[in-house]
Amino acid sequence: MHVTLVNPPYPEGAHQHPPFTPLGLGYLAAVLEKNQYKVDVIDCQASKLSYEDFKRELSKRQPNMVGMTSTTLTYKSALRIAEIVKEVHPSCLTVLGGCHATFWDFEALQECPHLDVVVRKEGEDTIKELVERVEAGKDFQDILGVTCRKGKEIVRNPDRPYIEDLDSLPFPAHHLWPLDRLRKYGKVIFPLMTSRGCVYWCEFCSAVRMFGRKFRMRSAKNVVDEMEYLHNTYGADNFTFYDDAFTVDQSRVEEICRDIHSRNLRIKWDCGTRVDMVTKDLLRKMKDAGCIAVWFGVEAGSQRVIDAMGKGFTPNRTRKAFKLAKEVGLMTIASVVLGFPGETRETALETINFVEEISPDDVGYYIATPYPGTPMAENVKKMGWLRVTDFDKYDTATPIFELPTLSMQELREIREKAFHRFYLRPTYILRMFAKGGTYGFSATRTALAHLLRATKSKL
């Protein structure tokens, strides 16, 4: 049984993120390899492959199954990949997974006759059972966690229970990726996921609906085992934790830090977390264990908007988190959402001023995007605000819906000016240049790019 896993290309013109090993596919590949199946990967993003390039690559292989992942942004690309698969290998089974497909399963199968199966939520156990059934020539229409065709009907089977013992999963199969193509600033930064699920229920988040309202964790030993393995195998010394809130269990984070010390691992890493889930002592221990930066979910500077998002903290708590992180010498990155329902020009400016007040080392201003499966998406549709239904535009940089309190054009202009204001402060440019290092020079380069754009647009 031969399985090819595919990371579809970004749509043309979309705001793109630097490529990393997609951990979802990495885990699927590792599980299949562990069970003695032949697996290969075509990562269109990492290798910068067009559809024609993909078609040529696929023609060199003879897979029995092609599994695709997709975000909302790459959903339509995944459907095009499925179409190409059927052109090249008509009898090949096409399978789609990921957050978007989980909440768009019926629609995906209705929209794309070339797609055979949707795997919902966690896919490791589901894909293993699916491959076993296909190899044995057995029906698979009753597999838990699957939505598929049964005759002329589309059937959605019950969800598969979540994997409780995350330590039982093999490490992602990084060796199947073109690692030289995943370099950022001359280095490969290896992603790690140490937990799944969340104890919060934020209105704009699909991840908690994907992985459940329960925080499931890998053990500290298992996490550091993976870091040590990557360090010894690939010379990896730069890591980024993909967890939505890395410090939910602070005692586990402290144990990870102690284990990094005990193994004498000389590494650097960053993570993301909530502003109400850190202490000065924890941040100091993280820094001593190699942490260089923390991404904080600031979200907004207006209490009214924070409450509407369901975040459950205050701007004062954000101020405190940034103050503590700076006191121990960590770089800080603020993740901010603009245009959430209820946003006005005044609350957006309040947020922009707040970000400049807490003065992070870097900032991400993201447009509120109504991803399928989120309460925000349901609310936006219910209120009749949705204006853009082309998922190729769901890149967190493009306004998707029109608020009665803030137009899409106003939101677009506010975001652009927010970036310019943040990066073009002379004190910021000097501070980042003085910091040096990967993050410092990256921020300086970003500031200069915004200076050029501001000059061209005469802002």
Protein backbone atom coordinates (compact mmCIF):
# COMPACT_ATOMS: atom_id res chain seq x y z
CA MET A 1 0.00 0.00 0.00
CA HIS A 2 1.50 3.31 -1.14
CA VAL A 3 0.28 6.62 0.28
CA THR A 4 1.30 10.06 -0.99
CA LEU A 5 0.63 13.00 1.33
CA VAL A 6 0.23 16.48 -0.15
CA ASN A 7 0.48 20.01 1.20
CA PRO A 8 -1.38 22.11 -1.42
CA PRO A 9 0.02 25.40 -2.76
CA TYR A 10 -1.14 28.77 -1.54
CA PRO A 11 -3.58 30.53 -3.89
CA GLU A 12 -1.92 33.09 -6.11
CA GLY A 13 -1.60 36.52 -4.50
CA ALA A 14 -2.48 35.36 -0.98
CA HIS A 15 -0.61 36.49 2.11
CA GLN A 16 1.78 33.61 2.78
CA HIS A 17 3.52 32.39 5.92
CA PRO A 18 7.07 31.01 5.92
CA PRO A 19 6.99 27.24 5.26
CA PHE A 20 7.44 24.76 8.09
CA THR A 21 7.00 21.02 8.16
CA PRO A 22 3.19 20.70 8.38
CA LEU A 23 2.94 18.72 11.60
CA GLY A 24 -0.44 17.20 10.78
CA LEU A 25 0.97 15.49 7.69
CA GLY A 26 4.20 14.76 9.55
CA TYR A 27 2.34 12.76 12.19
CA LEU A 28 0.24 10.92 9.60
CA ALA A 29 3.37 9.95 7.68
CA ALA A 30 5.09 8.73 10.84
CA VAL A 31 2.10 6.60 11.87
CA LEU A 32 1.89 5.01 8.41
CA GLU A 33 5.63 4.34 8.30
CA LYS A 34 5.48 2.81 11.77
CA ASN A 35 2.88 0.38 10.39
CA GLN A 36 5.11 -0.57 7.45
CA TYR A 37 3.30 1.36 4.72
CA LYS A 38 5.13 3.12 1.91
CA VAL A 39 4.77 6.89 2.30
CA ASP A 40 6.08 9.89 0.43
CA VAL A 41 5.30 13.60 0.53
CA ILE A 42 4.76 16.35 -2.01
CA ASP A 43 4.90 19.71 -0.23
CA CYS A 44 3.87 22.26 -2.85
CA GLN A 45 4.50 25.17 -0.47
CA ALA A 46 8.01 24.18 0.58
CA SER A 47 9.06 23.23 -2.96
CA LYS A 48 7.12 26.10 -4.59
CA LEU A 49 5.31 23.76 -6.96
CA SER A 50 2.62 24.89 -9.38
CA TYR A 51 -0.26 22.57 -10.29
CA GLU A 52 1.65 21.47 -13.39
CA ASP A 53 4.74 20.83 -11.28
CA PHE A 54 2.62 18.75 -8.91
CA LYS A 55 1.18 16.78 -11.80
CA ARG A 56 4.68 15.90 -13.00
CA GLU A 57 5.76 14.89 -9.50
CA LEU A 58 2.68 12.73 -9.01
CA SER A 59 3.25 11.03 -12.37
CA LYS A 60 6.54 9.67 -11.00
CA ARG A 61 4.64 7.82 -8.26
CA GLN A 62 2.02 5.08 -8.18
CA PRO A 63 0.07 5.74 -4.96
CA ASN A 64 -3.05 3.84 -3.97
CA MET A 65 -4.14 6.78 -1.85
CA VAL A 66 -3.40 10.50 -1.83
CA GLY A 67 -4.05 12.35 1.42
CA MET A 68 -4.28 16.14 1.40
CA THR A 69 -4.36 18.63 4.22
CA SER A 70 -5.73 22.13 3.93
CA THR A 71 -6.43 25.26 5.85
CA THR A 72 -9.34 27.44 4.78
CA LEU A 73 -6.90 29.42 2.62
CA THR A 74 -5.68 26.31 0.76
CA TYR A 75 -9.02 24.50 0.60
CA LYS A 76 -9.69 25.27 -3.06
CA SER A 77 -6.10 24.35 -3.89
CA ALA A 78 -6.67 20.98 -2.24
CA LEU A 79 -9.74 20.37 -4.40
CA ARG A 80 -7.69 21.16 -7.50
CA ILE A 81 -5.04 18.70 -6.27
CA ALA A 82 -7.76 16.03 -5.92
CA GLU A 83 -8.84 16.70 -9.50
CA ILE A 84 -5.26 16.31 -10.76
CA VAL A 85 -4.86 13.06 -8.80
CA LYS A 86 -7.88 11.57 -10.59
CA GLU A 87 -6.50 12.74 -13.95
CA VAL A 88 -3.17 11.01 -13.36
CA HIS A 89 -4.34 7.98 -11.34
CA PRO A 90 -8.12 7.53 -11.80
CA SER A 91 -8.39 4.63 -9.35
CA CYS A 92 -6.47 6.38 -6.58
CA LEU A 93 -8.44 7.15 -3.40
CA THR A 94 -8.42 10.87 -2.55
CA VAL A 95 -8.66 11.92 1.11
CA LEU A 96 -8.87 15.41 2.60
CA GLY A 97 -8.25 16.39 6.22
CA GLY A 98 -7.52 19.43 8.37
CA CYS A 99 -9.49 22.08 10.25
CA HIS A 100 -11.38 23.42 7.25
CA ALA A 101 -12.46 20.03 5.94
CA THR A 102 -13.57 18.97 9.42
CA PHE A 103 -16.25 21.67 9.41
CA TRP A 104 -16.84 21.71 5.65
CA ASP A 105 -17.06 17.97 5.00
CA PHE A 106 -20.45 17.73 3.29
CA GLU A 107 -19.75 20.82 1.22
CA ALA A 108 -16.33 19.53 0.13
CA LEU A 109 -17.74 16.23 -1.13
CA GLN A 110 -20.63 18.01 -2.83
CA GLU A 111 -18.37 20.58 -4.49
CA CYS A 112 -15.68 18.17 -5.64
CA PRO A 113 -16.62 14.89 -7.38
CA HIS A 114 -12.91 14.01 -7.42
CA LEU A 115 -12.79 13.84 -3.61
CA ASP A 116 -13.63 10.47 -2.04
CA VAL A 117 -13.20 10.83 1.73
CA VAL A 118 -12.96 13.56 4.38
CA VAL A 119 -11.13 12.70 7.61
CA ARG A 120 -12.37 14.89 10.44
CA LYS A 121 -10.48 16.15 13.50
CA GLU A 122 -7.47 14.08 14.61
CA GLY A 123 -6.44 11.85 11.75
CA GLU A 124 -3.74 9.47 12.97
CA ASP A 125 -5.93 6.54 14.04
CA THR A 126 -8.48 7.22 11.31
CA ILE A 127 -5.96 7.19 8.45
CA LYS A 128 -4.38 4.00 9.78
CA GLU A 129 -7.74 2.21 9.83
CA LEU A 130 -8.66 3.62 6.43
CA VAL A 131 -5.43 2.35 4.85
CA GLU A 132 -5.88 -1.06 6.47
CA ARG A 133 -9.42 -1.35 5.10
CA VAL A 134 -8.46 -0.21 1.60
CA GLU A 135 -5.48 -2.57 1.46
CA ALA A 136 -7.68 -5.48 2.54
CA GLY A 137 -10.35 -4.55 -0.01
CA LYS A 138 -12.93 -3.93 2.72
CA ASP A 139 -15.61 -1.23 2.95
CA PHE A 140 -14.62 1.87 4.89
CA GLN A 141 -17.92 3.76 4.96
CA ASP A 142 -18.46 3.03 8.66
CA ILE A 143 -15.07 4.23 9.98
CA LEU A 144 -15.34 6.66 12.89
CA GLY A 145 -14.28 10.21 12.06
CA VAL A 146 -14.95 9.83 8.33
CA THR A 147 -17.37 11.56 5.97
CA CYS A 148 -17.62 9.83 2.60
CA ARG A 149 -19.84 8.75 -0.26
CA LYS A 150 -22.10 5.73 0.07
CA GLY A 151 -23.76 5.23 -3.26
CA LYS A 152 -25.35 8.56 -4.14
CA GLU A 153 -25.48 9.67 -0.52
CA ILE A 154 -22.90 11.38 1.65
CA VAL A 155 -22.59 9.83 5.10
CA ARG A 156 -21.00 11.39 8.17
CA ASN A 157 -19.98 8.84 10.77
CA PRO A 158 -19.66 9.75 14.47
CA ASP A 159 -16.48 11.47 15.62
CA ARG A 160 -13.57 9.28 16.63
CA PRO A 161 -12.57 9.67 20.30
CA TYR A 162 -9.54 11.90 20.81
CA ILE A 163 -6.14 10.31 21.40
CA GLU A 164 -5.57 10.53 25.14
CA ASP A 165 -1.97 9.28 25.23
CA LEU A 166 -0.13 11.70 22.94
CA ASP A 167 3.19 10.10 23.95
CA SER A 168 2.08 7.03 21.99
CA LEU A 169 2.43 8.94 18.71
CA PRO A 170 5.73 8.65 16.82
CA PHE A 171 7.66 11.83 16.16
CA PRO A 172 6.71 13.58 12.88
CA ALA A 173 8.49 12.21 9.80
CA HIS A 174 10.67 15.25 9.04
CA HIS A 175 12.95 13.12 6.86
CA LEU A 176 10.28 13.05 4.13
CA TRP A 177 10.43 16.85 3.69
CA PRO A 178 12.89 18.92 1.64
CA LEU A 179 14.44 20.47 4.75
CA ASP A 180 16.81 22.71 2.76
CA ARG A 181 13.71 24.44 1.39
CA LEU A 182 12.40 25.17 4.87
CA ARG A 183 15.19 27.52 5.87
CA LYS A 184 14.35 30.88 7.40
CA TYR A 185 17.22 33.35 7.91
CA GLY A 186 19.59 30.54 6.94
CA LYS A 187 18.28 28.08 9.53
CA VAL A 188 15.69 25.33 9.68
CA ILE A 189 13.36 26.09 12.59
CA PHE A 190 11.73 22.84 13.65
CA PRO A 191 8.11 23.04 14.86
CA LEU A 192 6.87 21.00 17.81
CA MET A 193 3.36 20.40 19.13
CA THR A 194 3.32 19.36 22.78
CA SER A 195 -0.42 19.46 23.48
CA ARG A 196 -3.82 19.36 21.85
CA GLY A 197 -7.10 20.92 22.86
CA CYS A 198 -7.78 23.99 24.96
CA VAL A 199 -9.59 24.87 28.15
CA TYR A 200 -10.97 28.09 26.61
CA TRP A 201 -13.69 28.65 24.02
CA CYS A 202 -12.76 31.85 22.17
CA GLU A 203 -15.30 32.99 19.60
CA PHE A 204 -12.91 33.16 16.63
CA CYS A 205 -10.95 29.93 17.25
CA SER A 206 -11.48 26.73 15.27
CA ALA A 207 -8.58 24.87 16.94
CA VAL A 208 -10.49 24.19 20.16
CA ARG A 209 -13.42 22.85 18.14
CA MET A 210 -10.96 20.70 16.17
CA PHE A 211 -9.06 19.23 19.13
CA GLY A 212 -11.57 19.49 21.95
CA ARG A 213 -12.19 21.50 25.09
CA LYS A 214 -9.71 19.51 27.10
CA PHE A 215 -5.98 20.13 27.39
CA ARG A 216 -4.18 16.90 26.48
CA MET A 217 -0.43 17.00 27.00
CA ARG A 218 2.64 15.06 26.02
CA SER A 219 4.93 14.35 28.95
CA ALA A 220 7.91 16.63 29.49
CA LYS A 221 10.26 13.72 28.83
CA ASN A 222 8.60 12.90 25.52
CA VAL A 223 8.85 16.53 24.40
CA VAL A 224 12.53 16.83 25.23
CA ASP A 225 13.19 13.39 23.73
CA GLU A 226 11.92 14.81 20.43
CA MET A 227 14.05 17.94 20.74
CA GLU A 228 17.12 15.85 21.49
CA TYR A 229 16.35 13.51 18.59
CA LEU A 230 16.03 16.43 16.16
CA HIS A 231 19.20 17.99 17.56
CA ASN A 232 21.19 14.77 17.16
CA THR A 233 19.69 13.78 13.79
CA TYR A 234 19.51 17.11 11.97
CA GLY A 235 21.72 19.37 14.06
CA ALA A 236 18.57 21.28 15.02
CA ASP A 237 19.13 24.06 17.53
CA ASN A 238 16.14 26.29 16.74
CA PHE A 239 12.59 25.25 17.64
CA THR A 240 9.14 26.81 17.72
CA PHE A 241 6.27 25.41 19.79
CA TYR A 242 2.99 25.38 17.88
CA ASP A 243 0.79 24.98 20.98
CA ASP A 244 -1.97 27.60 21.16
CA ALA A 245 -1.16 28.11 24.85
CA PHE A 246 2.14 26.46 25.75
CA THR A 247 2.03 27.41 29.44
CA VAL A 248 -1.43 26.12 30.42
CA ASP A 249 0.27 23.61 32.76
CA GLN A 250 3.13 25.65 34.21
CA SER A 251 4.57 22.74 36.19
CA ARG A 252 4.99 20.76 32.96
CA VAL A 253 6.75 23.70 31.30
CA GLU A 254 9.11 23.90 34.28
CA GLU A 255 9.78 20.18 33.94
CA ILE A 256 10.57 20.63 30.25
CA CYS A 257 13.01 23.39 31.15
CA ARG A 258 14.71 21.24 33.80
CA ASP A 259 15.06 18.36 31.35
CA ILE A 260 16.60 20.63 28.70
CA HIS A 261 19.18 21.67 31.33
CA SER A 262 19.86 18.13 32.53
CA ARG A 263 20.61 16.98 28.97
CA ASN A 264 22.78 20.03 28.36
CA LEU A 265 20.89 20.89 25.18
CA ARG A 266 22.21 24.14 23.69
CA ILE A 267 19.10 25.24 21.86
CA LYS A 268 16.87 28.24 21.20
CA TRP A 269 13.11 28.21 21.08
CA ASP A 270 9.98 30.34 21.11
CA CYS A 271 6.38 29.66 22.04
CA GLY A 272 2.94 31.22 22.18
CA THR A 273 0.62 31.55 25.14
CA ARG A 274 -2.03 33.59 26.91
CA VAL A 275 -1.16 36.72 28.87
CA ASP A 276 -2.83 35.30 31.99
CA MET A 277 -0.78 32.10 32.02
CA VAL A 278 2.72 33.32 32.89
CA THR A 279 4.64 34.36 36.00
CA LYS A 280 8.00 36.04 36.26
CA ASP A 281 9.52 32.92 37.77
CA LEU A 282 8.22 30.75 34.92
CA LEU A 283 9.42 33.17 32.24
CA ARG A 284 12.86 33.30 33.84
CA LYS A 285 13.10 29.50 33.85
CA MET A 286 12.01 29.42 30.22
CA LYS A 287 14.70 31.93 29.25
CA ASP A 288 17.36 29.99 31.15
CA ALA A 289 16.33 26.88 29.17
CA GLY A 290 16.79 28.59 25.79
CA CYS A 291 13.53 30.45 25.22
CA ILE A 292 14.22 33.66 23.32
CA ALA A 293 10.72 34.93 22.46
CA VAL A 294 7.07 34.58 23.46
CA TRP A 295 4.06 35.21 21.25
CA PHE A 296 1.24 36.60 23.38
CA GLY A 297 -2.40 36.62 22.32
CA VAL A 298 -3.04 40.30 22.98
CA GLU A 299 -6.08 40.25 20.65
CA ALA A 300 -7.30 43.78 21.49
CA GLY A 301 -6.72 46.79 23.72
CA SER A 302 -10.41 47.47 24.21
CA GLN A 303 -12.02 45.61 27.10
CA ARG A 304 -15.33 45.60 25.24
CA VAL A 305 -13.80 43.79 22.27
CA ILE A 306 -11.81 41.40 24.49
CA ASP A 307 -15.03 40.44 26.25
CA ALA A 308 -16.85 39.97 22.95
CA MET A 309 -14.11 37.56 21.87
CA GLY A 310 -14.58 35.52 25.04
CA LYS A 311 -10.93 35.87 26.06
CA GLY A 312 -11.48 36.34 29.79
CA PHE A 313 -8.66 38.74 30.65
CA THR A 314 -8.04 42.49 30.89
CA PRO A 315 -5.63 44.95 29.24
CA ASN A 316 -3.94 45.31 32.64
CA ARG A 317 -3.15 41.59 32.61
CA THR A 318 -1.59 42.06 29.17
CA ARG A 319 0.49 44.98 30.44
CA LYS A 320 1.75 42.84 33.30
CA ALA A 321 2.68 39.89 31.05
CA PHE A 322 4.72 42.09 28.72
CA LYS A 323 6.40 43.83 31.64
CA LEU A 324 7.43 40.50 33.19
CA ALA A 325 8.71 39.08 29.91
CA LYS A 326 10.82 42.15 29.26
CA GLU A 327 12.21 42.14 32.80
CA VAL A 328 13.63 38.65 32.31
CA GLY A 329 15.04 39.54 28.88
CA LEU A 330 12.63 37.75 26.54
CA MET A 331 11.58 39.16 23.19
CA THR A 332 7.82 39.70 22.93
CA ILE A 333 5.48 39.41 19.96
CA ALA A 334 1.90 40.65 20.11
CA SER A 335 -0.79 38.82 18.16
CA VAL A 336 -3.69 41.22 17.51
CA VAL A 337 -7.09 40.80 15.85
CA LEU A 338 -8.70 43.79 14.14
CA GLY A 339 -12.30 43.95 12.94
CA PHE A 340 -13.95 41.49 15.30
CA PRO A 341 -17.76 41.97 15.46
CA GLY A 342 -18.42 45.04 17.59
CA GLU A 343 -15.20 46.75 16.48
CA THR A 344 -15.38 50.46 15.68
CA ARG A 345 -12.80 52.90 14.43
CA GLU A 346 -12.43 54.09 18.01
CA THR A 347 -11.85 50.61 19.50
CA ALA A 348 -9.40 49.75 16.70
CA LEU A 349 -7.40 52.91 17.42
CA GLU A 350 -7.58 52.08 21.13
CA THR A 351 -5.97 48.71 20.31
CA ILE A 352 -3.28 50.28 18.12
CA ASN A 353 -2.40 52.78 20.83
CA PHE A 354 -2.35 49.98 23.40
CA VAL A 355 0.07 47.91 21.33
CA GLU A 356 2.43 50.87 21.05
CA GLU A 357 2.12 51.36 24.81
CA ILE A 358 3.17 47.80 25.68
CA SER A 359 5.84 48.09 22.95
CA PRO A 360 6.44 44.49 21.87
CA ASP A 361 9.44 43.56 19.79
CA ASP A 362 7.17 42.58 16.94
CA VAL A 363 3.47 42.54 16.15
CA GLY A 364 1.04 40.65 13.97
CA TYR A 365 -2.11 42.59 13.08
CA TYR A 366 -4.61 40.05 11.75
CA ILE A 367 -8.01 40.71 10.21
CA ALA A 368 -10.83 38.85 11.99
CA THR A 369 -11.62 35.96 9.65
CA PRO A 370 -14.82 33.86 9.94
CA TYR A 371 -13.43 30.33 9.66
CA PRO A 372 -15.98 27.51 9.32
CA GLY A 373 -16.74 25.90 12.65
CA THR A 374 -16.39 29.05 14.73
CA PRO A 375 -19.16 30.96 16.51
CA MET A 376 -17.88 34.13 14.86
CA ALA A 377 -18.54 32.66 11.39
CA GLU A 378 -22.05 31.63 12.40
CA ASN A 379 -22.75 35.10 13.80
CA VAL A 380 -21.40 36.89 10.74
CA LYS A 381 -23.64 34.81 8.45
CA LYS A 382 -26.65 35.21 10.73
CA MET A 383 -26.28 39.00 10.74
CA GLY A 384 -25.89 39.17 6.96
CA TRP A 385 -22.44 40.76 7.14
CA LEU A 386 -20.53 38.21 5.03
CA ARG A 387 -19.26 39.75 1.79
CA VAL A 388 -16.45 37.42 0.65
CA THR A 389 -17.13 33.70 0.13
CA ASP A 390 -14.00 32.95 -1.90
CA PHE A 391 -11.81 31.00 0.54
CA ASP A 392 -8.72 32.03 -1.45
CA LYS A 393 -9.12 35.42 0.26
CA TYR A 394 -9.23 34.06 3.82
CA ASP A 395 -5.60 34.97 4.53
CA THR A 396 -6.07 37.10 7.72
CA ALA A 397 -4.92 40.13 5.71
CA THR A 398 -8.12 40.65 3.73
CA PRO A 399 -11.43 41.91 5.21
CA ILE A 400 -14.12 39.27 4.70
CA PHE A 401 -17.23 40.83 6.21
CA GLU A 402 -18.75 44.31 6.55
CA LEU A 403 -19.59 45.55 10.02
CA PRO A 404 -22.26 48.21 10.51
CA THR A 405 -19.74 49.96 12.77
CA LEU A 406 -16.67 49.63 10.52
CA SER A 407 -16.46 49.24 6.75
CA MET A 408 -14.12 46.78 5.04
CA GLN A 409 -12.22 49.64 3.40
CA GLU A 410 -11.79 51.41 6.73
CA LEU A 411 -10.52 48.19 8.29
CA ARG A 412 -8.03 47.66 5.48
CA GLU A 413 -6.69 51.19 5.88
CA ILE A 414 -6.54 50.93 9.68
CA ARG A 415 -4.48 47.73 9.49
CA GLU A 416 -2.04 49.22 7.01
CA LYS A 417 -1.56 52.35 9.07
CA ALA A 418 -1.22 50.28 12.24
CA PHE A 419 1.78 48.47 10.78
CA HIS A 420 3.33 51.71 9.53
CA ARG A 421 2.89 53.44 12.87
CA PHE A 422 4.37 50.51 14.78
CA TYR A 423 7.44 49.86 12.65
CA LEU A 424 8.30 53.43 11.73
CA ARG A 425 8.90 54.68 15.25
CA PRO A 426 12.57 55.78 15.37
CA THR A 427 12.95 54.31 18.86
CA TYR A 428 11.73 50.95 17.59
CA ILE A 429 14.12 50.80 14.65
CA LEU A 430 17.08 51.69 16.87
CA ARG A 431 16.05 49.18 19.52
CA MET A 432 15.73 46.32 17.04
CA PHE A 433 18.98 47.17 15.29
CA ALA A 434 20.75 47.17 18.65
CA LYS A 435 19.28 43.75 19.55
CA GLY A 436 20.72 42.11 16.46
CA GLY A 437 20.27 38.37 16.10
CA THR A 438 17.61 36.63 14.03
CA TYR A 439 14.60 38.43 15.50
CA GLY A 440 16.27 41.80 15.75
CA PHE A 441 17.46 41.92 12.17
CA SER A 442 14.17 40.46 10.96
CA ALA A 443 12.22 43.24 12.70
CA THR A 444 14.62 45.87 11.35
CA ARG A 445 14.15 44.51 7.84
CA THR A 446 10.36 44.57 8.30
CA ALA A 447 10.52 48.17 9.50
CA LEU A 448 12.51 49.22 6.45
CA ALA A 449 10.01 47.46 4.18
CA HIS A 450 7.16 49.41 5.78
CA LEU A 451 9.13 52.62 5.40
CA LEU A 452 9.41 51.95 1.67
CA ARG A 453 5.68 51.13 1.38
CA ALA A 454 4.71 54.20 3.40
CA THR A 455 6.87 56.39 1.19
CA LYS A 456 5.29 54.98 -1.96
CA SER A 457 1.74 55.37 -0.65
CA LYS A 458 2.52 58.83 0.82
CA LEU A 459 1.01 57.85 4.16
